[in-house]
Amino acid sequence: VRSGENPDLTTRQKHTRECFVVAAEGADKAKIEAEIKNMPNYFADY
């Protein structure tokens, strides 16, 4: 964008999201990660 290329960018191409999570003892971390990554309107498009 700064170079003046005027690219057409999707939501995924513009931003990434990084989460730092404190899980409860014994919680299913794989399930938590999948739920976060697939959360509509928040993370699914990134």
PDB file of all heavy atoms in Angstrom:
ATOM      1  N   VAL A   1       0.833  -1.202   0.000  1.00  0.00           N
ATOM      2  CA  VAL A   1       0.000   0.000   0.000  1.00  0.00           C
ATOM      3  C   VAL A   1       0.869   1.252   0.000  1.00  0.00           C
ATOM      4  O   VAL A   1       0.628   2.207  -0.751  1.00  0.00           O
ATOM      5  CB  VAL A   1      -0.951  -0.014   1.218  1.00  0.00           C
ATOM      6  CG1 VAL A   1      -1.648   1.329   1.366  1.00  0.00           C
ATOM      7  CG2 VAL A   1      -1.977  -1.139   1.076  1.00  0.00           C
ATOM      8  N   ARG A   2       1.895   1.256   0.833  1.00  0.00           N
ATOM      9  CA  ARG A   2       2.776   2.424   0.923  1.00  0.00           C
ATOM     10  C   ARG A   2       3.510   2.698  -0.387  1.00  0.00           C
ATOM     11  O   ARG A   2       3.844   3.840  -0.702  1.00  0.00           O
ATOM     12  CB  ARG A   2       3.792   2.215   2.047  1.00  0.00           C
ATOM     13  CG  ARG A   2       3.224   2.419   3.437  1.00  0.00           C
ATOM     14  CD  ARG A   2       4.238   2.084   4.499  1.00  0.00           C
ATOM     15  NE  ARG A   2       3.799   2.518   5.825  1.00  0.00           N
ATOM     16  CZ  ARG A   2       4.248   1.987   6.957  1.00  0.00           C
ATOM     17  NH1 ARG A   2       5.140   1.005   6.923  1.00  0.00           N
ATOM     18  NH2 ARG A   2       3.809   2.439   8.116  1.00  0.00           N
ATOM     19  N   SER A   3       3.733   1.669  -1.141  1.00  0.00           N
ATOM     20  CA  SER A   3       4.461   1.841  -2.400  1.00  0.00           C
ATOM     21  C   SER A   3       3.560   2.345  -3.527  1.00  0.00           C
ATOM     22  O   SER A   3       4.034   2.607  -4.636  1.00  0.00           O
ATOM     23  CB  SER A   3       5.098   0.519  -2.820  1.00  0.00           C
ATOM     24  OG  SER A   3       4.116  -0.429  -3.206  1.00  0.00           O
ATOM     25  N   GLY A   4       2.254   2.473  -3.240  1.00  0.00           N
ATOM     26  CA  GLY A   4       1.323   2.974  -4.246  1.00  0.00           C
ATOM     27  C   GLY A   4       0.810   1.930  -5.200  1.00  0.00           C
ATOM     28  O   GLY A   4       0.280   2.266  -6.269  1.00  0.00           O
ATOM     29  N   GLU A   5       0.922   0.648  -4.846  1.00  0.00           N
ATOM     30  CA  GLU A   5       0.470  -0.412  -5.747  1.00  0.00           C
ATOM     31  C   GLU A   5      -1.055  -0.530  -5.822  1.00  0.00           C
ATOM     32  O   GLU A   5      -1.581  -1.181  -6.724  1.00  0.00           O
ATOM     33  CB  GLU A   5       1.056  -1.760  -5.302  1.00  0.00           C
ATOM     34  CG  GLU A   5       2.584  -1.843  -5.430  1.00  0.00           C
ATOM     35  CD  GLU A   5       3.123  -3.174  -4.916  1.00  0.00           C
ATOM     36  OE1 GLU A   5       2.321  -4.131  -4.788  1.00  0.00           O
ATOM     37  OE2 GLU A   5       4.332  -3.253  -4.634  1.00  0.00           O
ATOM     38  N   ASN A   6      -1.768   0.044  -4.855  1.00  0.00           N
ATOM     39  CA  ASN A   6      -3.234  -0.047  -4.794  1.00  0.00           C
ATOM     40  C   ASN A   6      -3.736  -1.493  -4.857  1.00  0.00           C
ATOM     41  O   ASN A   6      -4.601  -1.835  -5.671  1.00  0.00           O
ATOM     42  CB  ASN A   6      -3.891   0.758  -5.917  1.00  0.00           C
ATOM     43  CG  ASN A   6      -3.792   2.253  -5.690  1.00  0.00           C
ATOM     44  OD1 ASN A   6      -3.345   2.693  -4.634  1.00  0.00           O
ATOM     45  ND2 ASN A   6      -4.199   3.034  -6.675  1.00  0.00           N
ATOM     46  N   PRO A   7      -3.234  -2.353  -3.990  1.00  0.00           N
ATOM     47  CA  PRO A   7      -3.655  -3.762  -4.042  1.00  0.00           C
ATOM     48  C   PRO A   7      -5.089  -3.945  -3.546  1.00  0.00           C
ATOM     49  O   PRO A   7      -5.576  -3.185  -2.707  1.00  0.00           O
ATOM     50  CB  PRO A   7      -2.664  -4.451  -3.094  1.00  0.00           C
ATOM     51  CG  PRO A   7      -2.298  -3.386  -2.104  1.00  0.00           C
ATOM     52  CD  PRO A   7      -2.270  -2.107  -2.889  1.00  0.00           C
ATOM     53  N   ASP A   8      -5.772  -4.953  -4.078  1.00  0.00           N
ATOM     54  CA  ASP A   8      -7.061  -5.379  -3.525  1.00  0.00           C
ATOM     55  C   ASP A   8      -6.772  -6.428  -2.460  1.00  0.00           C
ATOM     56  O   ASP A   8      -6.272  -7.512  -2.771  1.00  0.00           O
ATOM     57  CB  ASP A   8      -7.949  -5.976  -4.618  1.00  0.00           C
ATOM     58  CG  ASP A   8      -8.464  -4.918  -5.577  1.00  0.00           C
ATOM     59  OD1 ASP A   8      -8.852  -3.830  -5.093  1.00  0.00           O
ATOM     60  OD2 ASP A   8      -8.464  -5.176  -6.793  1.00  0.00           O
ATOM     61  N   LEU A   9      -7.078  -6.100  -1.214  1.00  0.00           N
ATOM     62  CA  LEU A   9      -6.687  -6.957  -0.097  1.00  0.00           C
ATOM     63  C   LEU A   9      -7.910  -7.532   0.603  1.00  0.00           C
ATOM     64  O   LEU A   9      -8.870  -6.817   0.890  1.00  0.00           O
ATOM     65  CB  LEU A   9      -5.860  -6.150   0.915  1.00  0.00           C
ATOM     66  CG  LEU A   9      -4.531  -5.581   0.406  1.00  0.00           C
ATOM     67  CD1 LEU A   9      -3.944  -4.611   1.434  1.00  0.00           C
ATOM     68  CD2 LEU A   9      -3.546  -6.712   0.112  1.00  0.00           C
ATOM     69  N   THR A  10      -7.864  -8.822   0.892  1.00  0.00           N
ATOM     70  CA  THR A  10      -8.909  -9.446   1.701  1.00  0.00           C
ATOM     71  C   THR A  10      -8.648  -9.154   3.176  1.00  0.00           C
ATOM     72  O   THR A  10      -7.560  -8.690   3.563  1.00  0.00           O
ATOM     73  CB  THR A  10      -8.928 -10.962   1.491  1.00  0.00           C
ATOM     74  OG1 THR A  10      -7.690 -11.514   1.991  1.00  0.00           O
ATOM     75  CG2 THR A  10      -9.078 -11.312   0.017  1.00  0.00           C
ATOM     76  N   THR A  11      -9.629  -9.441   3.979  1.00  0.00           N
ATOM     77  CA  THR A  11      -9.477  -9.280   5.431  1.00  0.00           C
ATOM     78  C   THR A  11      -8.270 -10.062   5.935  1.00  0.00           C
ATOM     79  O   THR A  11      -7.457  -9.566   6.727  1.00  0.00           O
ATOM     80  CB  THR A  11     -10.752  -9.770   6.141  1.00  0.00           C
ATOM     81  OG1 THR A  11     -11.844  -8.938   5.743  1.00  0.00           O
ATOM     82  CG2 THR A  11     -10.601  -9.726   7.639  1.00  0.00           C
ATOM     83  N   ARG A  12      -8.129 -11.301   5.477  1.00  0.00           N
ATOM     84  CA  ARG A  12      -7.028 -12.156   5.930  1.00  0.00           C
ATOM     85  C   ARG A  12      -5.676 -11.615   5.487  1.00  0.00           C
ATOM     86  O   ARG A  12      -4.669 -11.803   6.182  1.00  0.00           O
ATOM     87  CB  ARG A  12      -7.243 -13.575   5.394  1.00  0.00           C
ATOM     88  CG  ARG A  12      -6.291 -14.617   5.976  1.00  0.00           C
ATOM     89  CD  ARG A  12      -6.623 -16.009   5.427  1.00  0.00           C
ATOM     90  NE  ARG A  12      -7.974 -16.417   5.768  1.00  0.00           N
ATOM     91  CZ  ARG A  12      -8.298 -17.020   6.913  1.00  0.00           C
ATOM     92  NH1 ARG A  12      -7.378 -17.269   7.820  1.00  0.00           N
ATOM     93  NH2 ARG A  12      -9.554 -17.366   7.147  1.00  0.00           N
ATOM     94  N   GLN A  13      -5.634 -10.954   4.357  1.00  0.00           N
ATOM     95  CA  GLN A  13      -4.360 -10.446   3.845  1.00  0.00           C
ATOM     96  C   GLN A  13      -3.879  -9.186   4.565  1.00  0.00           C
ATOM     97  O   GLN A  13      -2.711  -8.844   4.484  1.00  0.00           O
ATOM     98  CB  GLN A  13      -4.491 -10.156   2.342  1.00  0.00           C
ATOM     99  CG  GLN A  13      -4.588 -11.403   1.484  1.00  0.00           C
ATOM    100  CD  GLN A  13      -4.899 -11.069   0.032  1.00  0.00           C
ATOM    101  OE1 GLN A  13      -5.694 -10.177  -0.268  1.00  0.00           O
ATOM    102  NE2 GLN A  13      -4.254 -11.788  -0.885  1.00  0.00           N
ATOM    103  N   LYS A  14      -4.779  -8.498   5.268  1.00  0.00           N
ATOM    104  CA  LYS A  14      -4.405  -7.231   5.907  1.00  0.00           C
ATOM    105  C   LYS A  14      -3.929  -7.383   7.347  1.00  0.00           C
ATOM    106  O   LYS A  14      -3.064  -6.623   7.795  1.00  0.00           O
ATOM    107  CB  LYS A  14      -5.598  -6.260   5.873  1.00  0.00           C
ATOM    108  CG  LYS A  14      -5.886  -5.706   4.481  1.00  0.00           C
ATOM    109  CD  LYS A  14      -6.847  -4.528   4.530  1.00  0.00           C
ATOM    110  CE  LYS A  14      -8.235  -4.959   4.929  1.00  0.00           C
ATOM    111  NZ  LYS A  14      -9.191  -3.831   4.845  1.00  0.00           N
ATOM    112  N   HIS A  15      -4.516  -8.304   8.103  1.00  0.00           N
ATOM    113  CA  HIS A  15      -4.185  -8.419   9.523  1.00  0.00           C
ATOM    114  C   HIS A  15      -4.079  -9.877   9.949  1.00  0.00           C
ATOM    115  O   HIS A  15      -4.753 -10.747   9.393  1.00  0.00           O
ATOM    116  CB  HIS A  15      -5.261  -7.770  10.403  1.00  0.00           C
ATOM    117  CG  HIS A  15      -5.408  -6.292  10.208  1.00  0.00           C
ATOM    118  ND1 HIS A  15      -6.300  -5.746   9.307  1.00  0.00           N
ATOM    119  CD2 HIS A  15      -4.769  -5.253  10.807  1.00  0.00           C
ATOM    120  CE1 HIS A  15      -6.209  -4.428   9.359  1.00  0.00           C
ATOM    121  NE2 HIS A  15      -5.291  -4.100  10.248  1.00  0.00           N
ATOM    122  N   THR A  16      -3.244 -10.112  10.955  1.00  0.00           N
ATOM    123  CA  THR A  16      -3.248 -11.389  11.664  1.00  0.00           C
ATOM    124  C   THR A  16      -3.661 -11.121  13.110  1.00  0.00           C
ATOM    125  O   THR A  16      -3.651  -9.979  13.572  1.00  0.00           O
ATOM    126  CB  THR A  16      -1.869 -12.075  11.647  1.00  0.00           C
ATOM    127  OG1 THR A  16      -0.913 -11.229  12.307  1.00  0.00           O
ATOM    128  CG2 THR A  16      -1.411 -12.337  10.229  1.00  0.00           C
ATOM    129  N   ARG A  17      -4.009 -12.195  13.805  1.00  0.00           N
ATOM    130  CA  ARG A  17      -4.406 -12.055  15.208  1.00  0.00           C
ATOM    131  C   ARG A  17      -3.595 -13.032  16.053  1.00  0.00           C
ATOM    132  O   ARG A  17      -3.429 -14.192  15.680  1.00  0.00           O
ATOM    133  CB  ARG A  17      -5.906 -12.290  15.387  1.00  0.00           C
ATOM    134  CG  ARG A  17      -6.733 -11.268  14.610  1.00  0.00           C
ATOM    135  CD  ARG A  17      -8.183 -11.246  15.042  1.00  0.00           C
ATOM    136  NE  ARG A  17      -8.957 -10.246  14.315  1.00  0.00           N
ATOM    137  CZ  ARG A  17      -9.022  -8.959  14.627  1.00  0.00           C
ATOM    138  NH1 ARG A  17      -8.332  -8.498  15.657  1.00  0.00           N
ATOM    139  NH2 ARG A  17      -9.771  -8.136  13.913  1.00  0.00           N
ATOM    140  N   GLU A  18      -3.101 -12.532  17.182  1.00  0.00           N
ATOM    141  CA  GLU A  18      -2.282 -13.340  18.073  1.00  0.00           C
ATOM    142  C   GLU A  18      -2.897 -13.313  19.466  1.00  0.00           C
ATOM    143  O   GLU A  18      -3.129 -12.242  20.030  1.00  0.00           O
ATOM    144  CB  GLU A  18      -0.848 -12.806  18.106  1.00  0.00           C
ATOM    145  CG  GLU A  18       0.131 -13.736  18.804  1.00  0.00           C
ATOM    146  CD  GLU A  18       1.577 -13.327  18.571  1.00  0.00           C
ATOM    147  OE1 GLU A  18       1.814 -12.187  18.116  1.00  0.00           O
ATOM    148  OE2 GLU A  18       2.474 -14.158  18.839  1.00  0.00           O
ATOM    149  N   CYS A  19      -3.167 -14.503  20.015  1.00  0.00           N
ATOM    150  CA  CYS A  19      -3.864 -14.622  21.292  1.00  0.00           C
ATOM    151  C   CYS A  19      -2.940 -15.246  22.351  1.00  0.00           C
ATOM    152  O   CYS A  19      -2.247 -16.230  22.065  1.00  0.00           O
ATOM    153  CB  CYS A  19      -5.097 -15.504  21.149  1.00  0.00           C
ATOM    154  SG  CYS A  19      -6.242 -14.983  19.858  1.00  0.00           S
ATOM    155  N   PHE A  20      -2.967 -14.671  23.524  1.00  0.00           N
ATOM    156  CA  PHE A  20      -2.237 -15.213  24.673  1.00  0.00           C
ATOM    157  C   PHE A  20      -3.275 -15.600  25.715  1.00  0.00           C
ATOM    158  O   PHE A  20      -4.010 -14.747  26.224  1.00  0.00           O
ATOM    159  CB  PHE A  20      -1.248 -14.189  25.207  1.00  0.00           C
ATOM    160  CG  PHE A  20      -0.133 -13.891  24.244  1.00  0.00           C
ATOM    161  CD1 PHE A  20      -0.293 -12.923  23.260  1.00  0.00           C
ATOM    162  CD2 PHE A  20       1.049 -14.615  24.288  1.00  0.00           C
ATOM    163  CE1 PHE A  20       0.725 -12.665  22.352  1.00  0.00           C
ATOM    164  CE2 PHE A  20       2.069 -14.366  23.383  1.00  0.00           C
ATOM    165  CZ  PHE A  20       1.915 -13.391  22.404  1.00  0.00           C
ATOM    166  N   VAL A  21      -3.339 -16.902  26.009  1.00  0.00           N
ATOM    167  CA  VAL A  21      -4.464 -17.461  26.756  1.00  0.00           C
ATOM    168  C   VAL A  21      -3.975 -18.158  28.017  1.00  0.00           C
ATOM    169  O   VAL A  21      -3.012 -18.940  27.984  1.00  0.00           O
ATOM    170  CB  VAL A  21      -5.249 -18.463  25.883  1.00  0.00           C
ATOM    171  CG1 VAL A  21      -6.369 -19.121  26.674  1.00  0.00           C
ATOM    172  CG2 VAL A  21      -5.799 -17.767  24.640  1.00  0.00           C
ATOM    173  N   VAL A  22      -4.664 -17.891  29.128  1.00  0.00           N
ATOM    174  CA  VAL A  22      -4.456 -18.622  30.379  1.00  0.00           C
ATOM    175  C   VAL A  22      -5.610 -19.612  30.499  1.00  0.00           C
ATOM    176  O   VAL A  22      -6.779 -19.212  30.646  1.00  0.00           O
ATOM    177  CB  VAL A  22      -4.431 -17.674  31.591  1.00  0.00           C
ATOM    178  CG1 VAL A  22      -4.236 -18.474  32.873  1.00  0.00           C
ATOM    179  CG2 VAL A  22      -3.347 -16.617  31.428  1.00  0.00           C
ATOM    180  N   ALA A  23      -5.282 -20.897  30.424  1.00  0.00           N
ATOM    181  CA  ALA A  23      -6.312 -21.936  30.475  1.00  0.00           C
ATOM    182  C   ALA A  23      -6.469 -22.464  31.890  1.00  0.00           C
ATOM    183  O   ALA A  23      -5.520 -22.483  32.684  1.00  0.00           O
ATOM    184  CB  ALA A  23      -5.962 -23.078  29.523  1.00  0.00           C
ATOM    185  N   ALA A  24      -7.685 -22.893  32.212  1.00  0.00           N
ATOM    186  CA  ALA A  24      -7.940 -23.516  33.513  1.00  0.00           C
ATOM    187  C   ALA A  24      -7.208 -24.852  33.587  1.00  0.00           C
ATOM    188  O   ALA A  24      -6.959 -25.504  32.560  1.00  0.00           O
ATOM    189  CB  ALA A  24      -9.438 -23.716  33.701  1.00  0.00           C
ATOM    190  N   GLU A  25      -6.875 -25.255  34.794  1.00  0.00           N
ATOM    191  CA  GLU A  25      -6.182 -26.531  34.976  1.00  0.00           C
ATOM    192  C   GLU A  25      -7.062 -27.669  34.459  1.00  0.00           C
ATOM    193  O   GLU A  25      -8.246 -27.765  34.777  1.00  0.00           O
ATOM    194  CB  GLU A  25      -5.868 -26.743  36.463  1.00  0.00           C
ATOM    195  CG  GLU A  25      -5.024 -27.978  36.725  1.00  0.00           C
ATOM    196  CD  GLU A  25      -4.615 -28.106  38.181  1.00  0.00           C
ATOM    197  OE1 GLU A  25      -4.832 -27.130  38.948  1.00  0.00           O
ATOM    198  OE2 GLU A  25      -4.070 -29.159  38.549  1.00  0.00           O
ATOM    199  N   GLY A  26      -6.471 -28.492  33.613  1.00  0.00           N
ATOM    200  CA  GLY A  26      -7.206 -29.623  33.069  1.00  0.00           C
ATOM    201  C   GLY A  26      -8.061 -29.305  31.865  1.00  0.00           C
ATOM    202  O   GLY A  26      -8.709 -30.200  31.303  1.00  0.00           O
ATOM    203  N   ALA A  27      -8.084 -28.054  31.437  1.00  0.00           N
ATOM    204  CA  ALA A  27      -8.908 -27.674  30.282  1.00  0.00           C
ATOM    205  C   ALA A  27      -8.340 -28.279  29.002  1.00  0.00           C
ATOM    206  O   ALA A  27      -7.125 -28.520  28.879  1.00  0.00           O
ATOM    207  CB  ALA A  27      -8.969 -26.157  30.162  1.00  0.00           C
ATOM    208  N   ASP A  28      -9.218 -28.525  28.048  1.00  0.00           N
ATOM    209  CA  ASP A  28      -8.824 -29.089  26.751  1.00  0.00           C
ATOM    210  C   ASP A  28      -8.285 -27.942  25.881  1.00  0.00           C
ATOM    211  O   ASP A  28      -9.053 -27.196  25.261  1.00  0.00           O
ATOM    212  CB  ASP A  28     -10.032 -29.753  26.095  1.00  0.00           C
ATOM    213  CG  ASP A  28      -9.684 -30.485  24.806  1.00  0.00           C
ATOM    214  OD1 ASP A  28      -8.639 -30.153  24.190  1.00  0.00           O
ATOM    215  OD2 ASP A  28     -10.469 -31.354  24.385  1.00  0.00           O
ATOM    216  N   LYS A  29      -6.972 -27.801  25.819  1.00  0.00           N
ATOM    217  CA  LYS A  29      -6.363 -26.686  25.098  1.00  0.00           C
ATOM    218  C   LYS A  29      -6.614 -26.764  23.592  1.00  0.00           C
ATOM    219  O   LYS A  29      -6.788 -25.737  22.936  1.00  0.00           O
ATOM    220  CB  LYS A  29      -4.865 -26.617  25.393  1.00  0.00           C
ATOM    221  CG  LYS A  29      -4.548 -26.254  26.836  1.00  0.00           C
ATOM    222  CD  LYS A  29      -3.047 -26.162  27.083  1.00  0.00           C
ATOM    223  CE  LYS A  29      -2.755 -25.772  28.533  1.00  0.00           C
ATOM    224  NZ  LYS A  29      -1.297 -25.718  28.800  1.00  0.00           N
ATOM    225  N   ALA A  30      -6.628 -27.958  23.050  1.00  0.00           N
ATOM    226  CA  ALA A  30      -6.888 -28.100  21.620  1.00  0.00           C
ATOM    227  C   ALA A  30      -8.306 -27.616  21.284  1.00  0.00           C
ATOM    228  O   ALA A  30      -8.532 -26.954  20.251  1.00  0.00           O
ATOM    229  CB  ALA A  30      -6.715 -29.561  21.191  1.00  0.00           C
ATOM    230  N   LYS A  31      -9.245 -27.922  22.155  1.00  0.00           N
ATOM    231  CA  LYS A  31     -10.631 -27.489  21.953  1.00  0.00           C
ATOM    232  C   LYS A  31     -10.736 -25.957  22.061  1.00  0.00           C
ATOM    233  O   LYS A  31     -11.424 -25.304  21.271  1.00  0.00           O
ATOM    234  CB  LYS A  31     -11.538 -28.160  22.979  1.00  0.00           C
ATOM    235  CG  LYS A  31     -13.017 -27.817  22.839  1.00  0.00           C
ATOM    236  CD  LYS A  31     -13.851 -28.670  23.813  1.00  0.00           C
ATOM    237  CE  LYS A  31     -15.336 -28.355  23.699  1.00  0.00           C
ATOM    238  NZ  LYS A  31     -15.656 -27.022  24.198  1.00  0.00           N
ATOM    239  N   ILE A  32     -10.034 -25.388  23.044  1.00  0.00           N
ATOM    240  CA  ILE A  32     -10.030 -23.931  23.215  1.00  0.00           C
ATOM    241  C   ILE A  32      -9.459 -23.259  21.974  1.00  0.00           C
ATOM    242  O   ILE A  32     -10.023 -22.299  21.447  1.00  0.00           O
ATOM    243  CB  ILE A  32      -9.219 -23.530  24.466  1.00  0.00           C
ATOM    244  CG1 ILE A  32      -9.939 -23.973  25.742  1.00  0.00           C
ATOM    245  CG2 ILE A  32      -8.960 -22.017  24.479  1.00  0.00           C
ATOM    246  CD1 ILE A  32      -9.127 -23.793  27.003  1.00  0.00           C
ATOM    247  N   GLU A  33      -8.328 -23.769  21.496  1.00  0.00           N
ATOM    248  CA  GLU A  33      -7.678 -23.182  20.324  1.00  0.00           C
ATOM    249  C   GLU A  33      -8.588 -23.240  19.101  1.00  0.00           C
ATOM    250  O   GLU A  33      -8.725 -22.260  18.360  1.00  0.00           O
ATOM    251  CB  GLU A  33      -6.361 -23.899  20.038  1.00  0.00           C
ATOM    252  CG  GLU A  33      -5.621 -23.324  18.847  1.00  0.00           C
ATOM    253  CD  GLU A  33      -4.236 -23.935  18.661  1.00  0.00           C
ATOM    254  OE1 GLU A  33      -3.813 -24.751  19.510  1.00  0.00           O
ATOM    255  OE2 GLU A  33      -3.569 -23.591  17.661  1.00  0.00           O
ATOM    256  N   ALA A  34      -9.238 -24.396  18.899  1.00  0.00           N
ATOM    257  CA  ALA A  34     -10.130 -24.547  17.743  1.00  0.00           C
ATOM    258  C   ALA A  34     -11.321 -23.599  17.847  1.00  0.00           C
ATOM    259  O   ALA A  34     -11.734 -22.994  16.844  1.00  0.00           O
ATOM    260  CB  ALA A  34     -10.602 -25.992  17.648  1.00  0.00           C
ATOM    261  N   GLU A  35     -11.863 -23.438  19.044  1.00  0.00           N
ATOM    262  CA  GLU A  35     -13.025 -22.560  19.213  1.00  0.00           C
ATOM    263  C   GLU A  35     -12.654 -21.105  18.941  1.00  0.00           C
ATOM    264  O   GLU A  35     -13.414 -20.364  18.315  1.00  0.00           O
ATOM    265  CB  GLU A  35     -13.594 -22.711  20.624  1.00  0.00           C
ATOM    266  CG  GLU A  35     -14.889 -21.942  20.817  1.00  0.00           C
ATOM    267  CD  GLU A  35     -15.599 -22.274  22.117  1.00  0.00           C
ATOM    268  OE1 GLU A  35     -15.274 -23.327  22.720  1.00  0.00           O
ATOM    269  OE2 GLU A  35     -16.473 -21.485  22.520  1.00  0.00           O
ATOM    270  N   ILE A  36     -11.468 -20.712  19.401  1.00  0.00           N
ATOM    271  CA  ILE A  36     -11.023 -19.338  19.143  1.00  0.00           C
ATOM    272  C   ILE A  36     -10.818 -19.121  17.652  1.00  0.00           C
ATOM    273  O   ILE A  36     -11.341 -18.159  17.070  1.00  0.00           O
ATOM    274  CB  ILE A  36      -9.726 -19.039  19.918  1.00  0.00           C
ATOM    275  CG1 ILE A  36     -10.003 -18.977  21.421  1.00  0.00           C
ATOM    276  CG2 ILE A  36      -9.095 -17.722  19.435  1.00  0.00           C
ATOM    277  CD1 ILE A  36      -8.753 -18.866  22.280  1.00  0.00           C
ATOM    278  N   LYS A  37     -10.090 -20.006  17.012  1.00  0.00           N
ATOM    279  CA  LYS A  37      -9.744 -19.819  15.600  1.00  0.00           C
ATOM    280  C   LYS A  37     -10.959 -19.830  14.680  1.00  0.00           C
ATOM    281  O   LYS A  37     -10.931 -19.213  13.604  1.00  0.00           O
ATOM    282  CB  LYS A  37      -8.744 -20.892  15.155  1.00  0.00           C
ATOM    283  CG  LYS A  37      -7.350 -20.710  15.724  1.00  0.00           C
ATOM    284  CD  LYS A  37      -6.389 -21.746  15.163  1.00  0.00           C
ATOM    285  CE  LYS A  37      -4.960 -21.474  15.589  1.00  0.00           C
ATOM    286  NZ  LYS A  37      -4.003 -22.449  15.025  1.00  0.00           N
ATOM    287  N   ASN A  38     -12.025 -20.500  15.102  1.00  0.00           N
ATOM    288  CA  ASN A  38     -13.218 -20.611  14.256  1.00  0.00           C
ATOM    289  C   ASN A  38     -14.350 -19.683  14.698  1.00  0.00           C
ATOM    290  O   ASN A  38     -15.468 -19.789  14.191  1.00  0.00           O
ATOM    291  CB  ASN A  38     -13.708 -22.061  14.240  1.00  0.00           C
ATOM    292  CG  ASN A  38     -12.724 -22.986  13.527  1.00  0.00           C
ATOM    293  OD1 ASN A  38     -12.490 -22.860  12.327  1.00  0.00           O
ATOM    294  ND2 ASN A  38     -12.125 -23.900  14.272  1.00  0.00           N
ATOM    295  N   MET A  39     -14.066 -18.769  15.607  1.00  0.00           N
ATOM    296  CA  MET A  39     -15.100 -17.870  16.123  1.00  0.00           C
ATOM    297  C   MET A  39     -15.521 -16.877  15.039  1.00  0.00           C
ATOM    298  O   MET A  39     -14.712 -16.078  14.567  1.00  0.00           O
ATOM    299  CB  MET A  39     -14.572 -17.128  17.353  1.00  0.00           C
ATOM    300  CG  MET A  39     -15.643 -16.382  18.127  1.00  0.00           C
ATOM    301  SD  MET A  39     -14.934 -15.461  19.538  1.00  0.00           S
ATOM    302  CE  MET A  39     -14.254 -16.806  20.512  1.00  0.00           C
ATOM    303  N   PRO A  40     -16.793 -16.918  14.619  1.00  0.00           N
ATOM    304  CA  PRO A  40     -17.238 -15.996  13.564  1.00  0.00           C
ATOM    305  C   PRO A  40     -17.207 -14.545  14.045  1.00  0.00           C
ATOM    306  O   PRO A  40     -17.384 -14.270  15.232  1.00  0.00           O
ATOM    307  CB  PRO A  40     -18.671 -16.456  13.278  1.00  0.00           C
ATOM    308  CG  PRO A  40     -19.105 -17.190  14.509  1.00  0.00           C
ATOM    309  CD  PRO A  40     -17.873 -17.803  15.077  1.00  0.00           C
ATOM    310  N   ASN A  41     -16.960 -13.642  13.102  1.00  0.00           N
ATOM    311  CA  ASN A  41     -16.912 -12.193  13.342  1.00  0.00           C
ATOM    312  C   ASN A  41     -15.681 -11.734  14.132  1.00  0.00           C
ATOM    313  O   ASN A  41     -15.426 -10.537  14.215  1.00  0.00           O
ATOM    314  CB  ASN A  41     -18.171 -11.698  14.072  1.00  0.00           C
ATOM    315  CG  ASN A  41     -19.441 -12.002  13.325  1.00  0.00           C
ATOM    316  OD1 ASN A  41     -19.484 -11.871  12.105  1.00  0.00           O
ATOM    317  ND2 ASN A  41     -20.468 -12.437  14.037  1.00  0.00           N
ATOM    318  N   TYR A  42     -14.935 -12.660  14.683  1.00  0.00           N
ATOM    319  CA  TYR A  42     -13.762 -12.286  15.470  1.00  0.00           C
ATOM    320  C   TYR A  42     -12.467 -12.857  14.887  1.00  0.00           C
ATOM    321  O   TYR A  42     -11.512 -12.126  14.640  1.00  0.00           O
ATOM    322  CB  TYR A  42     -13.925 -12.737  16.927  1.00  0.00           C
ATOM    323  CG  TYR A  42     -14.893 -11.893  17.713  1.00  0.00           C
ATOM    324  CD1 TYR A  42     -16.238 -12.230  17.780  1.00  0.00           C
ATOM    325  CD2 TYR A  42     -14.459 -10.753  18.378  1.00  0.00           C
ATOM    326  CE1 TYR A  42     -17.132 -11.446  18.495  1.00  0.00           C
ATOM    327  CE2 TYR A  42     -15.339  -9.957  19.099  1.00  0.00           C
ATOM    328  CZ  TYR A  42     -16.678 -10.311  19.155  1.00  0.00           C
ATOM    329  OH  TYR A  42     -17.555  -9.533  19.856  1.00  0.00           O
ATOM    330  N   PHE A  43     -12.424 -14.188  14.679  1.00  0.00           N
ATOM    331  CA  PHE A  43     -11.158 -14.816  14.295  1.00  0.00           C
ATOM    332  C   PHE A  43     -11.235 -15.678  13.040  1.00  0.00           C
ATOM    333  O   PHE A  43     -10.210 -15.963  12.431  1.00  0.00           O
ATOM    334  CB  PHE A  43     -10.631 -15.676  15.458  1.00  0.00           C
ATOM    335  CG  PHE A  43     -10.364 -14.894  16.701  1.00  0.00           C
ATOM    336  CD1 PHE A  43     -11.262 -14.903  17.755  1.00  0.00           C
ATOM    337  CD2 PHE A  43      -9.224 -14.116  16.820  1.00  0.00           C
ATOM    338  CE1 PHE A  43     -11.020 -14.161  18.909  1.00  0.00           C
ATOM    339  CE2 PHE A  43      -8.965 -13.377  17.956  1.00  0.00           C
ATOM    340  CZ  PHE A  43      -9.875 -13.399  19.007  1.00  0.00           C
ATOM    341  N   ALA A  44     -12.432 -16.088  12.646  1.00  0.00           N
ATOM    342  CA  ALA A  44     -12.552 -17.048  11.548  1.00  0.00           C
ATOM    343  C   ALA A  44     -11.987 -16.527  10.233  1.00  0.00           C
ATOM    344  O   ALA A  44     -11.506 -17.312   9.402  1.00  0.00           O
ATOM    345  CB  ALA A  44     -14.020 -17.451  11.360  1.00  0.00           C
ATOM    346  N   ASP A  45     -12.014 -15.219  10.036  1.00  0.00           N
ATOM    347  CA  ASP A  45     -11.550 -14.640   8.770  1.00  0.00           C
ATOM    348  C   ASP A  45     -10.078 -14.230   8.794  1.00  0.00           C
ATOM    349  O   ASP A  45      -9.606 -13.580   7.855  1.00  0.00           O
ATOM    350  CB  ASP A  45     -12.399 -13.421   8.416  1.00  0.00           C
ATOM    351  CG  ASP A  45     -13.841 -13.792   8.116  1.00  0.00           C
ATOM    352  OD1 ASP A  45     -14.067 -14.926   7.652  1.00  0.00           O
ATOM    353  OD2 ASP A  45     -14.737 -12.962   8.362  1.00  0.00           O
ATOM    354  N   TYR A  46      -9.357 -14.612   9.847  1.00  0.00           N
ATOM    355  CA  TYR A  46      -7.963 -14.193  10.001  1.00  0.00           C
ATOM    356  C   TYR A  46      -7.066 -15.392  10.258  1.00  0.00           C
ATOM    357  O   TYR A  46      -7.505 -16.423  10.779  1.00  0.00           O
ATOM    358  CB  TYR A  46      -7.820 -13.234  11.197  1.00  0.00           C
ATOM    359  CG  TYR A  46      -8.618 -11.974  11.090  1.00  0.00           C
ATOM    360  CD1 TYR A  46      -9.959 -11.939  11.487  1.00  0.00           C
ATOM    361  CD2 TYR A  46      -8.053 -10.807  10.593  1.00  0.00           C
ATOM    362  CE1 TYR A  46     -10.708 -10.779  11.394  1.00  0.00           C
ATOM    363  CE2 TYR A  46      -8.792  -9.636  10.498  1.00  0.00           C
ATOM    364  CZ  TYR A  46     -10.117  -9.626  10.901  1.00  0.00           C
ATOM    365  OH  TYR A  46     -10.842  -8.477  10.809  1.00  0.00           O
TER     366      TYR A  46
END
